[in-house]
Amino acid sequence: MNKTDIPFQVIDWTSIPKTKHAGENGFALWQTLQFSGLRIRIFEYSAGYLADHWCKKGHIVHCLDGEFVSELKDGEKFFVKKGMTYVVSDELSSHRSTTVNGVKLLIIDGDFLQLKVE
């Protein structure tokens, strides 16, 4: 096994501490697992949350509960509700999230989402 291999494991999210991050409005609670080249997080956005920045990072975002809007910097908006997923590679869009009633998300990102230039 090398340093990037991830052995089988079960994740008990109740044992992963939550960290609080302020948004432009509201806040986000993050639970984070960091592996070499891979990050897995549970996000909970408070009611009225608006991200405080435009993100260029690639993600796989799966909505576990609630609903939110992912807004692109060009003004395009995508409504995402429980059971829906979006995916984007690094540097392909500037996006931010907002929610009226709060939302819970599973977010996966890492080296595999880096933009490949040929």
PDB file of N, CA and C in Angstrom:
ATOM      1  N   MET A   1       0.847  -1.170   0.000  1.00  0.00           N
ATOM      2  CA  MET A   1       0.000   0.000   0.000  1.00  0.00           C
ATOM      3  C   MET A   1       0.900   1.243   0.000  1.00  0.00           C
ATOM      4  N   ASN A   2       0.538   2.243  -0.836  1.00  0.00           N
ATOM      5  CA  ASN A   2       1.311   3.483  -0.812  1.00  0.00           C
ATOM      6  C   ASN A   2       0.551   4.562  -0.053  1.00  0.00           C
ATOM      7  N   LYS A   3       1.150   5.747   0.056  1.00  0.00           N
ATOM      8  CA  LYS A   3       0.556   6.788   0.902  1.00  0.00           C
ATOM      9  C   LYS A   3      -0.763   7.341   0.364  1.00  0.00           C
ATOM     10  N   THR A   4      -1.117   7.066  -0.891  1.00  0.00           N
ATOM     11  CA  THR A   4      -2.385   7.559  -1.431  1.00  0.00           C
ATOM     12  C   THR A   4      -3.485   6.501  -1.390  1.00  0.00           C
ATOM     13  N   ASP A   5      -3.143   5.263  -1.008  1.00  0.00           N
ATOM     14  CA  ASP A   5      -4.165   4.229  -0.892  1.00  0.00           C
ATOM     15  C   ASP A   5      -5.034   4.481   0.333  1.00  0.00           C
ATOM     16  N   ILE A   6      -6.316   4.218   0.188  1.00  0.00           N
ATOM     17  CA  ILE A   6      -7.248   4.388   1.294  1.00  0.00           C
ATOM     18  C   ILE A   6      -7.815   3.014   1.630  1.00  0.00           C
ATOM     19  N   PRO A   7      -7.450   2.459   2.786  1.00  0.00           N
ATOM     20  CA  PRO A   7      -7.977   1.142   3.139  1.00  0.00           C
ATOM     21  C   PRO A   7      -9.467   1.225   3.457  1.00  0.00           C
ATOM     22  N   PHE A   8     -10.143   0.085   3.400  1.00  0.00           N
ATOM     23  CA  PHE A   8     -11.561   0.030   3.739  1.00  0.00           C
ATOM     24  C   PHE A   8     -11.774   0.594   5.130  1.00  0.00           C
ATOM     25  N   GLN A   9     -12.789   1.433   5.246  1.00  0.00           N
ATOM     26  CA  GLN A   9     -13.140   1.976   6.551  1.00  0.00           C
ATOM     27  C   GLN A   9     -14.579   2.449   6.540  1.00  0.00           C
ATOM     28  N   VAL A  10     -15.179   2.428   7.685  1.00  0.00           N
ATOM     29  CA  VAL A  10     -16.529   2.931   7.879  1.00  0.00           C
ATOM     30  C   VAL A  10     -16.399   4.285   8.572  1.00  0.00           C
ATOM     31  N   ILE A  11     -17.144   5.267   8.091  1.00  0.00           N
ATOM     32  CA  ILE A  11     -17.075   6.610   8.659  1.00  0.00           C
ATOM     33  C   ILE A  11     -18.311   6.853   9.519  1.00  0.00           C
ATOM     34  N   ASP A  12     -18.088   7.084  10.774  1.00  0.00           N
ATOM     35  CA  ASP A  12     -19.156   7.460  11.694  1.00  0.00           C
ATOM     36  C   ASP A  12     -19.131   8.974  11.803  1.00  0.00           C
ATOM     37  N   TRP A  13     -19.988   9.634  11.022  1.00  0.00           N
ATOM     38  CA  TRP A  13     -19.975  11.096  10.960  1.00  0.00           C
ATOM     39  C   TRP A  13     -20.293  11.726  12.313  1.00  0.00           C
ATOM     40  N   THR A  14     -20.945  10.999  13.206  1.00  0.00           N
ATOM     41  CA  THR A  14     -21.239  11.568  14.530  1.00  0.00           C
ATOM     42  C   THR A  14     -19.960  11.757  15.345  1.00  0.00           C
ATOM     43  N   SER A  15     -18.874  11.097  14.950  1.00  0.00           N
ATOM     44  CA  SER A  15     -17.614  11.231  15.682  1.00  0.00           C
ATOM     45  C   SER A  15     -16.685  12.280  15.054  1.00  0.00           C
ATOM     46  N   ILE A  16     -17.073  12.858  13.929  1.00  0.00           N
ATOM     47  CA  ILE A  16     -16.246  13.865  13.247  1.00  0.00           C
ATOM     48  C   ILE A  16     -16.678  15.248  13.742  1.00  0.00           C
ATOM     49  N   PRO A  17     -15.761  16.017  14.330  1.00  0.00           N
ATOM     50  CA  PRO A  17     -16.149  17.327  14.865  1.00  0.00           C
ATOM     51  C   PRO A  17     -16.616  18.291  13.768  1.00  0.00           C
ATOM     52  N   LYS A  18     -17.505  19.216  14.152  1.00  0.00           N
ATOM     53  CA  LYS A  18     -18.009  20.240  13.242  1.00  0.00           C
ATOM     54  C   LYS A  18     -17.240  21.534  13.481  1.00  0.00           C
ATOM     55  N   THR A  19     -16.875  22.197  12.381  1.00  0.00           N
ATOM     56  CA  THR A  19     -16.262  23.518  12.483  1.00  0.00           C
ATOM     57  C   THR A  19     -17.195  24.519  11.824  1.00  0.00           C
ATOM     58  N   LYS A  20     -17.283  25.703  12.412  1.00  0.00           N
ATOM     59  CA  LYS A  20     -18.220  26.724  11.945  1.00  0.00           C
ATOM     60  C   LYS A  20     -17.489  27.742  11.061  1.00  0.00           C
ATOM     61  N   HIS A  21     -18.106  28.065   9.924  1.00  0.00           N
ATOM     62  CA  HIS A  21     -17.534  29.003   8.961  1.00  0.00           C
ATOM     63  C   HIS A  21     -18.599  30.021   8.584  1.00  0.00           C
ATOM     64  N   ALA A  22     -18.291  31.293   8.771  1.00  0.00           N
ATOM     65  CA  ALA A  22     -19.251  32.355   8.472  1.00  0.00           C
ATOM     66  C   ALA A  22     -19.418  32.521   6.972  1.00  0.00           C
ATOM     67  N   GLY A  23     -20.656  32.746   6.546  1.00  0.00           N
ATOM     68  CA  GLY A  23     -20.932  33.120   5.176  1.00  0.00           C
ATOM     69  C   GLY A  23     -21.144  34.624   5.115  1.00  0.00           C
ATOM     70  N   GLU A  24     -21.451  35.138   3.922  1.00  0.00           N
ATOM     71  CA  GLU A  24     -21.846  36.539   3.830  1.00  0.00           C
ATOM     72  C   GLU A  24     -23.099  36.752   4.669  1.00  0.00           C
ATOM     73  N   ASN A  25     -23.993  35.772   4.605  1.00  0.00           N
ATOM     74  CA  ASN A  25     -25.153  35.677   5.495  1.00  0.00           C
ATOM     75  C   ASN A  25     -25.153  34.253   6.044  1.00  0.00           C
ATOM     76  N   GLY A  26     -25.531  34.094   7.303  1.00  0.00           N
ATOM     77  CA  GLY A  26     -25.611  32.762   7.889  1.00  0.00           C
ATOM     78  C   GLY A  26     -24.238  32.136   8.093  1.00  0.00           C
ATOM     79  N   PHE A  27     -24.247  30.810   8.245  1.00  0.00           N
ATOM     80  CA  PHE A  27     -23.004  30.089   8.505  1.00  0.00           C
ATOM     81  C   PHE A  27     -23.093  28.672   7.937  1.00  0.00           C
ATOM     82  N   ALA A  28     -21.920  28.050   7.834  1.00  0.00           N
ATOM     83  CA  ALA A  28     -21.818  26.654   7.410  1.00  0.00           C
ATOM     84  C   ALA A  28     -21.115  25.869   8.513  1.00  0.00           C
ATOM     85  N   LEU A  29     -21.590  24.656   8.757  1.00  0.00           N
ATOM     86  CA  LEU A  29     -20.894  23.711   9.631  1.00  0.00           C
ATOM     87  C   LEU A  29     -20.250  22.667   8.742  1.00  0.00           C
ATOM     88  N   TRP A  30     -18.946  22.436   8.921  1.00  0.00           N
ATOM     89  CA  TRP A  30     -18.201  21.457   8.121  1.00  0.00           C
ATOM     90  C   TRP A  30     -17.752  20.308   9.008  1.00  0.00           C
ATOM     91  N   GLN A  31     -17.872  19.102   8.471  1.00  0.00           N
ATOM     92  CA  GLN A  31     -17.214  17.924   9.032  1.00  0.00           C
ATOM     93  C   GLN A  31     -16.309  17.424   7.919  1.00  0.00           C
ATOM     94  N   THR A  32     -15.021  17.273   8.211  1.00  0.00           N
ATOM     95  CA  THR A  32     -14.046  17.039   7.152  1.00  0.00           C
ATOM     96  C   THR A  32     -13.199  15.813   7.415  1.00  0.00           C
ATOM     97  N   LEU A  33     -13.050  14.991   6.385  1.00  0.00           N
ATOM     98  CA  LEU A  33     -12.070  13.900   6.354  1.00  0.00           C
ATOM     99  C   LEU A  33     -11.090  14.224   5.243  1.00  0.00           C
ATOM    100  N   GLN A  34      -9.798  14.238   5.567  1.00  0.00           N
ATOM    101  CA  GLN A  34      -8.779  14.572   4.581  1.00  0.00           C
ATOM    102  C   GLN A  34      -7.881  13.365   4.352  1.00  0.00           C
ATOM    103  N   PHE A  35      -7.780  12.963   3.103  1.00  0.00           N
ATOM    104  CA  PHE A  35      -6.864  11.916   2.682  1.00  0.00           C
ATOM    105  C   PHE A  35      -5.893  12.542   1.700  1.00  0.00           C
ATOM    106  N   SER A  36      -4.873  11.844   1.294  1.00  0.00           N
ATOM    107  CA  SER A  36      -3.945  12.361   0.294  1.00  0.00           C
ATOM    108  C   SER A  36      -4.681  12.525  -1.039  1.00  0.00           C
ATOM    109  N   GLY A  37      -4.852  13.764  -1.480  1.00  0.00           N
ATOM    110  CA  GLY A  37      -5.494  14.037  -2.759  1.00  0.00           C
ATOM    111  C   GLY A  37      -7.006  13.898  -2.770  1.00  0.00           C
ATOM    112  N   LEU A  38      -7.624  13.727  -1.600  1.00  0.00           N
ATOM    113  CA  LEU A  38      -9.074  13.537  -1.527  1.00  0.00           C
ATOM    114  C   LEU A  38      -9.603  14.141  -0.226  1.00  0.00           C
ATOM    115  N   ARG A  39     -10.679  14.926  -0.360  1.00  0.00           N
ATOM    116  CA  ARG A  39     -11.335  15.494   0.816  1.00  0.00           C
ATOM    117  C   ARG A  39     -12.817  15.158   0.736  1.00  0.00           C
ATOM    118  N   ILE A  40     -13.368  14.655   1.848  1.00  0.00           N
ATOM    119  CA  ILE A  40     -14.791  14.320   1.942  1.00  0.00           C
ATOM    120  C   ILE A  40     -15.362  15.130   3.094  1.00  0.00           C
ATOM    121  N   ARG A  41     -16.486  15.843   2.813  1.00  0.00           N
ATOM    122  CA  ARG A  41     -17.054  16.698   3.851  1.00  0.00           C
ATOM    123  C   ARG A  41     -18.576  16.580   3.877  1.00  0.00           C
ATOM    124  N   ILE A  42     -19.131  16.753   5.052  1.00  0.00           N
ATOM    125  CA  ILE A  42     -20.560  16.995   5.229  1.00  0.00           C
ATOM    126  C   ILE A  42     -20.678  18.485   5.562  1.00  0.00           C
ATOM    127  N   PHE A  43     -21.510  19.182   4.798  1.00  0.00           N
ATOM    128  CA  PHE A  43     -21.783  20.609   5.027  1.00  0.00           C
ATOM    129  C   PHE A  43     -23.214  20.751   5.490  1.00  0.00           C
ATOM    130  N   GLU A  44     -23.433  21.624   6.429  1.00  0.00           N
ATOM    131  CA  GLU A  44     -24.784  22.044   6.807  1.00  0.00           C
ATOM    132  C   GLU A  44     -24.807  23.560   6.712  1.00  0.00           C
ATOM    133  N   TYR A  45     -25.630  24.088   5.814  1.00  0.00           N
ATOM    134  CA  TYR A  45     -25.795  25.533   5.692  1.00  0.00           C
ATOM    135  C   TYR A  45     -27.010  25.950   6.512  1.00  0.00           C
ATOM    136  N   SER A  46     -26.866  27.029   7.253  1.00  0.00           N
ATOM    137  CA  SER A  46     -27.976  27.560   8.047  1.00  0.00           C
ATOM    138  C   SER A  46     -29.024  28.184   7.132  1.00  0.00           C
ATOM    139  N   ALA A  47     -30.212  28.388   7.658  1.00  0.00           N
ATOM    140  CA  ALA A  47     -31.243  29.124   6.925  1.00  0.00           C
ATOM    141  C   ALA A  47     -30.691  30.505   6.586  1.00  0.00           C
ATOM    142  N   GLY A  48     -30.962  30.965   5.380  1.00  0.00           N
ATOM    143  CA  GLY A  48     -30.502  32.279   4.947  1.00  0.00           C
ATOM    144  C   GLY A  48     -29.039  32.346   4.547  1.00  0.00           C
ATOM    145  N   TYR A  49     -28.377  31.192   4.413  1.00  0.00           N
ATOM    146  CA  TYR A  49     -26.944  31.165   4.085  1.00  0.00           C
ATOM    147  C   TYR A  49     -26.673  31.705   2.684  1.00  0.00           C
ATOM    148  N   LEU A  50     -25.619  32.508   2.570  1.00  0.00           N
ATOM    149  CA  LEU A  50     -25.043  32.936   1.296  1.00  0.00           C
ATOM    150  C   LEU A  50     -23.541  32.862   1.446  1.00  0.00           C
ATOM    151  N   ALA A  51     -22.879  32.137   0.555  1.00  0.00           N
ATOM    152  CA  ALA A  51     -21.425  31.989   0.623  1.00  0.00           C
ATOM    153  C   ALA A  51     -20.753  33.354   0.578  1.00  0.00           C
ATOM    154  N   ASP A  52     -19.622  33.468   1.250  1.00  0.00           N
ATOM    155  CA  ASP A  52     -18.902  34.734   1.317  1.00  0.00           C
ATOM    156  C   ASP A  52     -17.846  34.881   0.219  1.00  0.00           C
ATOM    157  N   HIS A  53     -17.811  33.946  -0.746  1.00  0.00           N
ATOM    158  CA  HIS A  53     -16.816  34.010  -1.819  1.00  0.00           C
ATOM    159  C   HIS A  53     -17.318  33.242  -3.039  1.00  0.00           C
ATOM    160  N   TRP A  54     -16.697  33.511  -4.176  1.00  0.00           N
ATOM    161  CA  TRP A  54     -16.924  32.745  -5.403  1.00  0.00           C
ATOM    162  C   TRP A  54     -15.860  31.661  -5.445  1.00  0.00           C
ATOM    163  N   CYS A  55     -16.278  30.416  -5.498  1.00  0.00           N
ATOM    164  CA  CYS A  55     -15.365  29.270  -5.450  1.00  0.00           C
ATOM    165  C   CYS A  55     -15.026  28.805  -6.862  1.00  0.00           C
ATOM    166  N   LYS A  56     -13.742  28.530  -7.110  1.00  0.00           N
ATOM    167  CA  LYS A  56     -13.297  27.993  -8.402  1.00  0.00           C
ATOM    168  C   LYS A  56     -12.885  26.533  -8.291  1.00  0.00           C
ATOM    169  N   LYS A  57     -12.997  25.985  -7.084  1.00  0.00           N
ATOM    170  CA  LYS A  57     -12.596  24.599  -6.831  1.00  0.00           C
ATOM    171  C   LYS A  57     -13.611  23.635  -7.425  1.00  0.00           C
ATOM    172  N   GLY A  58     -13.152  22.524  -7.927  1.00  0.00           N
ATOM    173  CA  GLY A  58     -14.042  21.479  -8.419  1.00  0.00           C
ATOM    174  C   GLY A  58     -14.616  20.681  -7.262  1.00  0.00           C
ATOM    175  N   HIS A  59     -15.845  20.211  -7.445  1.00  0.00           N
ATOM    176  CA  HIS A  59     -16.516  19.436  -6.405  1.00  0.00           C
ATOM    177  C   HIS A  59     -17.468  18.431  -7.028  1.00  0.00           C
ATOM    178  N   ILE A  60     -17.779  17.420  -6.260  1.00  0.00           N
ATOM    179  CA  ILE A  60     -18.981  16.616  -6.442  1.00  0.00           C
ATOM    180  C   ILE A  60     -19.831  16.959  -5.234  1.00  0.00           C
ATOM    181  N   VAL A  61     -21.012  17.518  -5.472  1.00  0.00           N
ATOM    182  CA  VAL A  61     -21.877  17.973  -4.388  1.00  0.00           C
ATOM    183  C   VAL A  61     -23.194  17.216  -4.474  1.00  0.00           C
ATOM    184  N   HIS A  62     -23.518  16.463  -3.425  1.00  0.00           N
ATOM    185  CA  HIS A  62     -24.762  15.701  -3.373  1.00  0.00           C
ATOM    186  C   HIS A  62     -25.615  16.255  -2.237  1.00  0.00           C
ATOM    187  N   CYS A  63     -26.857  16.588  -2.547  1.00  0.00           N
ATOM    188  CA  CYS A  63     -27.775  17.157  -1.564  1.00  0.00           C
ATOM    189  C   CYS A  63     -28.426  16.031  -0.756  1.00  0.00           C
ATOM    190  N   LEU A  64     -28.114  15.985   0.532  1.00  0.00           N
ATOM    191  CA  LEU A  64     -28.649  14.959   1.425  1.00  0.00           C
ATOM    192  C   LEU A  64     -30.019  15.331   1.974  1.00  0.00           C
ATOM    193  N   ASP A  65     -30.230  16.634   2.201  1.00  0.00           N
ATOM    194  CA  ASP A  65     -31.501  17.087   2.761  1.00  0.00           C
ATOM    195  C   ASP A  65     -31.658  18.576   2.483  1.00  0.00           C
ATOM    196  N   GLY A  66     -32.874  18.997   2.171  1.00  0.00           N
ATOM    197  CA  GLY A  66     -33.150  20.401   1.913  1.00  0.00           C
ATOM    198  C   GLY A  66     -32.955  20.746   0.448  1.00  0.00           C
ATOM    199  N   GLU A  67     -32.702  22.031   0.203  1.00  0.00           N
ATOM    200  CA  GLU A  67     -32.509  22.517  -1.159  1.00  0.00           C
ATOM    201  C   GLU A  67     -31.689  23.798  -1.127  1.00  0.00           C
ATOM    202  N   PHE A  68     -31.013  24.076  -2.242  1.00  0.00           N
ATOM    203  CA  PHE A  68     -30.182  25.268  -2.336  1.00  0.00           C
ATOM    204  C   PHE A  68     -30.056  25.676  -3.794  1.00  0.00           C
ATOM    205  N   VAL A  69     -29.485  26.842  -4.001  1.00  0.00           N
ATOM    206  CA  VAL A  69     -29.198  27.332  -5.338  1.00  0.00           C
ATOM    207  C   VAL A  69     -27.689  27.453  -5.471  1.00  0.00           C
ATOM    208  N   SER A  70     -27.143  26.891  -6.558  1.00  0.00           N
ATOM    209  CA  SER A  70     -25.746  27.101  -6.905  1.00  0.00           C
ATOM    210  C   SER A  70     -25.734  28.143  -8.017  1.00  0.00           C
ATOM    211  N   GLU A  71     -25.155  29.283  -7.711  1.00  0.00           N
ATOM    212  CA  GLU A  71     -25.138  30.407  -8.641  1.00  0.00           C
ATOM    213  C   GLU A  71     -23.756  30.512  -9.271  1.00  0.00           C
ATOM    214  N   LEU A  72     -23.718  30.671 -10.600  1.00  0.00           N
ATOM    215  CA  LEU A  72     -22.452  30.908 -11.287  1.00  0.00           C
ATOM    216  C   LEU A  72     -22.213  32.408 -11.362  1.00  0.00           C
ATOM    217  N   LYS A  73     -20.946  32.806 -11.462  1.00  0.00           N
ATOM    218  CA  LYS A  73     -20.605  34.223 -11.461  1.00  0.00           C
ATOM    219  C   LYS A  73     -21.225  34.960 -12.646  1.00  0.00           C
ATOM    220  N   ASP A  74     -21.520  34.232 -13.732  1.00  0.00           N
ATOM    221  CA  ASP A  74     -22.151  34.867 -14.899  1.00  0.00           C
ATOM    222  C   ASP A  74     -23.651  35.095 -14.697  1.00  0.00           C
ATOM    223  N   GLY A  75     -24.173  34.706 -13.522  1.00  0.00           N
ATOM    224  CA  GLY A  75     -25.572  34.942 -13.200  1.00  0.00           C
ATOM    225  C   GLY A  75     -26.473  33.728 -13.370  1.00  0.00           C
ATOM    226  N   GLU A  76     -25.992  32.682 -14.031  1.00  0.00           N
ATOM    227  CA  GLU A  76     -26.798  31.470 -14.202  1.00  0.00           C
ATOM    228  C   GLU A  76     -26.992  30.808 -12.837  1.00  0.00           C
ATOM    229  N   LYS A  77     -28.206  30.286 -12.589  1.00  0.00           N
ATOM    230  CA  LYS A  77     -28.533  29.670 -11.308  1.00  0.00           C
ATOM    231  C   LYS A  77     -29.080  28.270 -11.523  1.00  0.00           C
ATOM    232  N   PHE A  78     -28.694  27.355 -10.618  1.00  0.00           N
ATOM    233  CA  PHE A  78     -29.140  25.976 -10.676  1.00  0.00           C
ATOM    234  C   PHE A  78     -29.769  25.607  -9.337  1.00  0.00           C
ATOM    235  N   PHE A  79     -31.012  25.163  -9.371  1.00  0.00           N
ATOM    236  CA  PHE A  79     -31.743  24.732  -8.183  1.00  0.00           C
ATOM    237  C   PHE A  79     -31.402  23.269  -7.929  1.00  0.00           C
ATOM    238  N   VAL A  80     -30.952  22.955  -6.718  1.00  0.00           N
ATOM    239  CA  VAL A  80     -30.563  21.589  -6.352  1.00  0.00           C
ATOM    240  C   VAL A  80     -31.350  21.214  -5.092  1.00  0.00           C
ATOM    241  N   LYS A  81     -32.029  20.059  -5.149  1.00  0.00           N
ATOM    242  CA  LYS A  81     -32.800  19.603  -3.995  1.00  0.00           C
ATOM    243  C   LYS A  81     -32.354  18.201  -3.593  1.00  0.00           C
ATOM    244  N   LYS A  82     -32.891  17.730  -2.474  1.00  0.00           N
ATOM    245  CA  LYS A  82     -32.551  16.418  -1.924  1.00  0.00           C
ATOM    246  C   LYS A  82     -32.543  15.360  -3.025  1.00  0.00           C
ATOM    247  N   GLY A  83     -31.447  14.591  -3.068  1.00  0.00           N
ATOM    248  CA  GLY A  83     -31.304  13.520  -4.045  1.00  0.00           C
ATOM    249  C   GLY A  83     -30.606  13.941  -5.322  1.00  0.00           C
ATOM    250  N   MET A  84     -30.355  15.239  -5.506  1.00  0.00           N
ATOM    251  CA  MET A  84     -29.681  15.729  -6.712  1.00  0.00           C
ATOM    252  C   MET A  84     -28.196  15.965  -6.434  1.00  0.00           C
ATOM    253  N   THR A  85     -27.403  15.955  -7.515  1.00  0.00           N
ATOM    254  CA  THR A  85     -25.954  16.102  -7.437  1.00  0.00           C
ATOM    255  C   THR A  85     -25.489  17.047  -8.542  1.00  0.00           C
ATOM    256  N   TYR A  86     -24.458  17.828  -8.251  1.00  0.00           N
ATOM    257  CA  TYR A  86     -23.761  18.519  -9.348  1.00  0.00           C
ATOM    258  C   TYR A  86     -22.278  18.208  -9.254  1.00  0.00           C
ATOM    259  N   VAL A  87     -21.605  18.338 -10.401  1.00  0.00           N
ATOM    260  CA  VAL A  87     -20.169  18.072 -10.475  1.00  0.00           C
ATOM    261  C   VAL A  87     -19.529  19.111 -11.389  1.00  0.00           C
ATOM    262  N   VAL A  88     -18.332  19.555 -11.032  1.00  0.00           N
ATOM    263  CA  VAL A  88     -17.574  20.499 -11.849  1.00  0.00           C
ATOM    264  C   VAL A  88     -16.086  20.311 -11.531  1.00  0.00           C
ATOM    265  N   SER A  89     -15.246  20.473 -12.554  1.00  0.00           N
ATOM    266  CA  SER A  89     -13.797  20.404 -12.360  1.00  0.00           C
ATOM    267  C   SER A  89     -13.255  21.740 -11.859  1.00  0.00           C
ATOM    268  N   ASP A  90     -12.047  21.704 -11.311  1.00  0.00           N
ATOM    269  CA  ASP A  90     -11.365  22.917 -10.864  1.00  0.00           C
ATOM    270  C   ASP A  90     -11.285  23.932 -12.001  1.00  0.00           C
ATOM    271  N   GLU A  91     -11.440  25.199 -11.664  1.00  0.00           N
ATOM    272  CA  GLU A  91     -11.224  26.330 -12.571  1.00  0.00           C
ATOM    273  C   GLU A  91     -12.205  26.430 -13.739  1.00  0.00           C
ATOM    274  N   LEU A  92     -13.284  25.626 -13.762  1.00  0.00           N
ATOM    275  CA  LEU A  92     -14.229  25.696 -14.888  1.00  0.00           C
ATOM    276  C   LEU A  92     -15.414  26.608 -14.616  1.00  0.00           C
ATOM    277  N   SER A  93     -15.596  27.031 -13.389  1.00  0.00           N
ATOM    278  CA  SER A  93     -16.658  27.988 -13.084  1.00  0.00           C
ATOM    279  C   SER A  93     -16.358  28.635 -11.747  1.00  0.00           C
ATOM    280  N   SER A  94     -16.853  29.833 -11.593  1.00  0.00           N
ATOM    281  CA  SER A  94     -16.874  30.455 -10.275  1.00  0.00           C
ATOM    282  C   SER A  94     -18.308  30.311  -9.794  1.00  0.00           C
ATOM    283  N   HIS A  95     -18.486  29.685  -8.638  1.00  0.00           N
ATOM    284  CA  HIS A  95     -19.824  29.371  -8.146  1.00  0.00           C
ATOM    285  C   HIS A  95     -19.915  29.660  -6.652  1.00  0.00           C
ATOM    286  N   ARG A  96     -21.144  29.854  -6.191  1.00  0.00           N
ATOM    287  CA  ARG A  96     -21.394  30.018  -4.762  1.00  0.00           C
ATOM    288  C   ARG A  96     -22.786  29.483  -4.463  1.00  0.00           C
ATOM    289  N   SER A  97     -22.997  29.156  -3.196  1.00  0.00           N
ATOM    290  CA  SER A  97     -24.265  28.555  -2.772  1.00  0.00           C
ATOM    291  C   SER A  97     -25.062  29.511  -1.908  1.00  0.00           C
ATOM    292  N   THR A  98     -26.378  29.360  -2.002  1.00  0.00           N
ATOM    293  CA  THR A  98     -27.292  30.090  -1.143  1.00  0.00           C
ATOM    294  C   THR A  98     -28.483  29.184  -0.841  1.00  0.00           C
ATOM    295  N   THR A  99     -29.053  29.328   0.343  1.00  0.00           N
ATOM    296  CA  THR A  99     -30.226  28.548   0.716  1.00  0.00           C
ATOM    297  C   THR A  99     -31.161  29.384   1.574  1.00  0.00           C
ATOM    298  N   VAL A 100     -32.431  29.184   1.377  1.00  0.00           N
ATOM    299  CA  VAL A 100     -33.436  29.899   2.168  1.00  0.00           C
ATOM    300  C   VAL A 100     -33.646  29.208   3.510  1.00  0.00           C
ATOM    301  N   ASN A 101     -33.879  27.898   3.476  1.00  0.00           N
ATOM    302  CA  ASN A 101     -34.271  27.163   4.679  1.00  0.00           C
ATOM    303  C   ASN A 101     -33.181  26.286   5.281  1.00  0.00           C
ATOM    304  N   GLY A 102     -31.985  26.284   4.708  1.00  0.00           N
ATOM    305  CA  GLY A 102     -30.911  25.420   5.177  1.00  0.00           C
ATOM    306  C   GLY A 102     -30.829  24.155   4.328  1.00  0.00           C
ATOM    307  N   VAL A 103     -29.676  23.520   4.358  1.00  0.00           N
ATOM    308  CA  VAL A 103     -29.438  22.341   3.529  1.00  0.00           C
ATOM    309  C   VAL A 103     -28.292  21.528   4.135  1.00  0.00           C
ATOM    310  N   LYS A 104     -28.284  20.224   3.842  1.00  0.00           N
ATOM    311  CA  LYS A 104     -27.196  19.337   4.256  1.00  0.00           C
ATOM    312  C   LYS A 104     -26.637  18.683   3.005  1.00  0.00           C
ATOM    313  N   LEU A 105     -25.313  18.762   2.827  1.00  0.00           N
ATOM    314  CA  LEU A 105     -24.659  18.300   1.601  1.00  0.00           C
ATOM    315  C   LEU A 105     -23.510  17.357   1.912  1.00  0.00           C
ATOM    316  N   LEU A 106     -23.242  16.443   0.988  1.00  0.00           N
ATOM    317  CA  LEU A 106     -22.016  15.653   0.968  1.00  0.00           C
ATOM    318  C   LEU A 106     -21.175  16.235  -0.158  1.00  0.00           C
ATOM    319  N   ILE A 107     -19.961  16.668   0.159  1.00  0.00           N
ATOM    320  CA  ILE A 107     -19.094  17.305  -0.833  1.00  0.00           C
ATOM    321  C   ILE A 107     -17.784  16.528  -0.906  1.00  0.00           C
ATOM    322  N   ILE A 108     -17.421  16.134  -2.117  1.00  0.00           N
ATOM    323  CA  ILE A 108     -16.187  15.396  -2.362  1.00  0.00           C
ATOM    324  C   ILE A 108     -15.364  16.196  -3.361  1.00  0.00           C
ATOM    325  N   ASP A 109     -14.106  16.417  -3.037  1.00  0.00           N
ATOM    326  CA  ASP A 109     -13.214  17.067  -3.987  1.00  0.00           C
ATOM    327  C   ASP A 109     -11.814  16.506  -3.820  1.00  0.00           C
ATOM    328  N   GLY A 110     -10.971  16.814  -4.777  1.00  0.00           N
ATOM    329  CA  GLY A 110      -9.608  16.303  -4.717  1.00  0.00           C
ATOM    330  C   GLY A 110      -8.894  16.432  -6.035  1.00  0.00           C
ATOM    331  N   ASP A 111      -7.704  15.846  -6.079  1.00  0.00           N
ATOM    332  CA  ASP A 111      -6.828  15.958  -7.242  1.00  0.00           C
ATOM    333  C   ASP A 111      -7.478  15.456  -8.528  1.00  0.00           C
ATOM    334  N   PHE A 112      -8.389  14.512  -8.428  1.00  0.00           N
ATOM    335  CA  PHE A 112      -9.013  13.937  -9.619  1.00  0.00           C
ATOM    336  C   PHE A 112      -9.893  14.949 -10.355  1.00  0.00           C
ATOM    337  N   LEU A 113     -10.195  16.091  -9.756  1.00  0.00           N
ATOM    338  CA  LEU A 113     -11.015  17.121 -10.395  1.00  0.00           C
ATOM    339  C   LEU A 113     -10.185  18.259 -10.986  1.00  0.00           C
ATOM    340  N   GLN A 114      -8.854  18.104 -10.965  1.00  0.00           N
ATOM    341  CA  GLN A 114      -8.015  19.142 -11.550  1.00  0.00           C
ATOM    342  C   GLN A 114      -8.199  19.157 -13.060  1.00  0.00           C
ATOM    343  N   LEU A 115      -8.269  20.375 -13.597  1.00  0.00           N
ATOM    344  CA  LEU A 115      -8.450  20.573 -15.025  1.00  0.00           C
ATOM    345  C   LEU A 115      -7.244  20.014 -15.778  1.00  0.00           C
ATOM    346  N   LYS A 116      -7.517  19.184 -16.765  1.00  0.00           N
ATOM    347  CA  LYS A 116      -6.450  18.587 -17.596  1.00  0.00           C
ATOM    348  C   LYS A 116      -6.338  19.378 -18.897  1.00  0.00           C
ATOM    349  N   VAL A 117      -5.178  19.969 -19.131  1.00  0.00           N
ATOM    350  CA  VAL A 117      -4.951  20.744 -20.353  1.00  0.00           C
ATOM    351  C   VAL A 117      -4.105  19.887 -21.294  1.00  0.00           C
ATOM    352  N   GLU A 118      -4.639  19.729 -22.519  1.00  0.00           N
ATOM    353  CA  GLU A 118      -3.904  18.906 -23.497  1.00  0.00           C
ATOM    354  C   GLU A 118      -3.430  19.747 -24.642  1.00  0.00           C
TER     355      GLU A 118
END
